[in-house]
C-alpha cells in the first residue's frame, strides 16, 4: 500500500507554490491522471479559456455553415410529404403497418 504525503508543487502559470494533498494524489492515481501543473486558481482560469475557445469555435462553424431558413422549411415540408406518402401506402395496403406497442405495467 502506498502512503501519500502532501507535496508542494510550483504552478506553471503563476509560478506560485501550491499543495498537492495526499487525498488528491490518491484520486489522481486511481483515475490514472498526471499530477497537476497548475494551481487551482490557474486551473479554473485555464478551463474557462478552453470553454470560451470551444464556444467561439462552435459559433464560427455555425456562421460558416449557416443554414438558411428556407432550407429548413423545405426539409420540414419534405418530411411532412414523406409522412403523407407512407399513410397513403398503408391505406392502399402496399406498405406494412407499424405495430403499436403497449407497455405492460
Protein backbone atom coordinates (compact mmCIF):
# COMPACT_ATOMS: atom_id res chain seq x y z
CA UNK A 1 0.00 0.00 0.00
CA UNK A 2 1.31 3.41 -0.96
CA UNK A 3 1.37 6.09 1.70
CA UNK A 4 0.85 9.55 0.28
CA UNK A 5 2.14 12.76 1.81
CA UNK A 6 1.25 16.30 0.88
CA UNK A 7 3.59 17.74 -1.77
CA UNK A 8 4.32 21.33 -2.61
CA UNK A 9 4.38 21.93 -6.37
CA UNK A 10 5.09 25.06 -8.38
CA UNK A 11 2.38 26.33 -10.72
CA UNK A 12 3.50 26.65 -14.34
CA UNK A 13 1.13 29.60 -14.80
CA UNK A 14 1.74 31.95 -11.88
CA UNK A 15 4.92 30.28 -10.51
CA UNK A 16 3.43 30.21 -7.00
CA UNK A 17 3.68 27.08 -4.84
CA UNK A 18 0.54 25.07 -4.14
CA UNK A 19 -0.15 21.95 -2.09
CA UNK A 20 -0.94 18.68 -3.84
CA UNK A 21 -2.65 16.87 -0.97
CA UNK A 22 -2.41 13.18 -0.16
CA UNK A 23 -6.12 12.76 -0.99
CA UNK A 24 -5.66 14.42 -4.37
CA UNK A 25 -2.66 12.20 -5.09
CA UNK A 26 -4.69 9.09 -4.30
CA UNK A 27 -7.53 10.31 -6.55
CA UNK A 28 -5.15 11.13 -9.40
CA UNK A 29 -3.53 7.69 -9.13
CA UNK A 30 -6.92 5.92 -9.10
CA UNK A 31 -8.01 7.80 -12.23
CA UNK A 32 -4.56 7.44 -13.88
CA UNK A 33 -4.22 11.23 -14.14
CA UNK A 34 -0.91 13.04 -14.31
CA UNK A 35 -0.02 15.34 -11.39
CA UNK A 36 -1.40 18.87 -11.86
CA UNK A 37 0.89 21.55 -13.28
CA UNK A 38 -1.34 24.48 -12.36
CA UNK A 39 -2.65 25.71 -9.02
CA UNK A 40 -6.44 25.52 -8.51
CA UNK A 41 -6.91 29.21 -9.42
CA UNK A 42 -4.91 28.91 -12.64
CA UNK A 43 -6.76 25.66 -13.48
CA UNK A 44 -10.09 27.49 -13.27
CA UNK A 45 -8.80 30.29 -15.49
CA UNK A 46 -7.34 27.80 -17.98
CA UNK A 47 -10.58 25.76 -18.15
CA UNK A 48 -12.62 28.93 -18.62
CA UNK A 49 -10.37 29.89 -21.55
CA UNK A 50 -10.74 26.45 -23.13
CA UNK A 51 -14.52 26.59 -22.81
CA UNK A 52 -14.61 30.07 -24.34
CA UNK A 53 -12.44 29.00 -27.30
CA UNK A 54 -14.62 25.92 -27.84
CA UNK A 55 -17.80 28.03 -27.69
CA UNK A 56 -16.32 30.57 -30.13
CA UNK A 57 -15.33 27.76 -32.50
CA UNK A 58 -18.85 26.33 -32.47
CA UNK A 59 -20.31 29.76 -33.14
CA UNK A 60 -17.85 30.28 -36.00
CA UNK A 61 -18.77 26.93 -37.53
CA UNK A 62 -22.47 27.75 -37.25
CA UNK A 63 -21.92 31.04 -39.07
CA UNK A 64 -19.75 29.46 -41.78
CA UNK A 65 -22.10 26.51 -42.28
CA UNK A 66 -25.22 28.59 -41.82
CA UNK A 67 -28.48 27.05 -42.85
CA UNK A 68 -31.00 29.30 -44.49
CA UNK A 69 -34.48 29.44 -43.03
CA UNK A 70 -35.91 28.49 -46.45
CA UNK A 71 -33.81 25.31 -46.43
CA UNK A 72 -35.13 24.32 -43.02
CA UNK A 73 -38.71 24.96 -44.12
CA UNK A 74 -38.07 22.89 -47.25
CA UNK A 75 -36.76 19.98 -45.18
CA UNK A 76 -39.78 20.17 -42.90
CA UNK A 77 -42.09 20.12 -45.92
CA UNK A 78 -40.28 17.09 -47.36
CA UNK A 79 -40.66 15.21 -44.07
CA UNK A 80 -44.33 16.09 -43.98
CA UNK A 81 -44.84 14.85 -47.53
CA UNK A 82 -42.97 11.62 -46.77
CA UNK A 83 -45.31 11.01 -43.84
CA UNK A 84 -48.34 11.57 -46.07
CA UNK A 85 -46.89 9.19 -48.67
CA UNK A 86 -46.46 6.43 -46.10
CA UNK A 87 -50.01 6.98 -44.80
CA UNK A 88 -51.37 6.65 -48.37
CA UNK A 89 -49.36 3.46 -48.89
CA UNK A 90 -50.76 1.98 -45.68
CA UNK A 91 -54.33 2.83 -46.73
CA UNK A 92 -53.78 1.08 -50.06
CA UNK A 93 -52.29 -1.91 -48.25
CA UNK A 94 -48.98 -1.59 -50.08
CA UNK A 95 -46.87 -0.82 -47.03
CA UNK A 96 -46.97 -2.84 -43.82
CA UNK A 97 -48.47 -1.04 -40.86
CA UNK A 98 -46.21 -0.46 -37.94
CA UNK A 99 -47.28 -2.27 -34.80
CA UNK A 100 -48.09 -0.13 -31.84
CA UNK A 101 -46.54 -1.42 -28.67
CA UNK A 102 -48.36 -1.11 -25.38
CA UNK A 103 -46.33 -1.10 -22.20
CA UNK A 104 -47.44 -3.60 -19.59
CA UNK A 105 -47.46 -2.49 -16.01
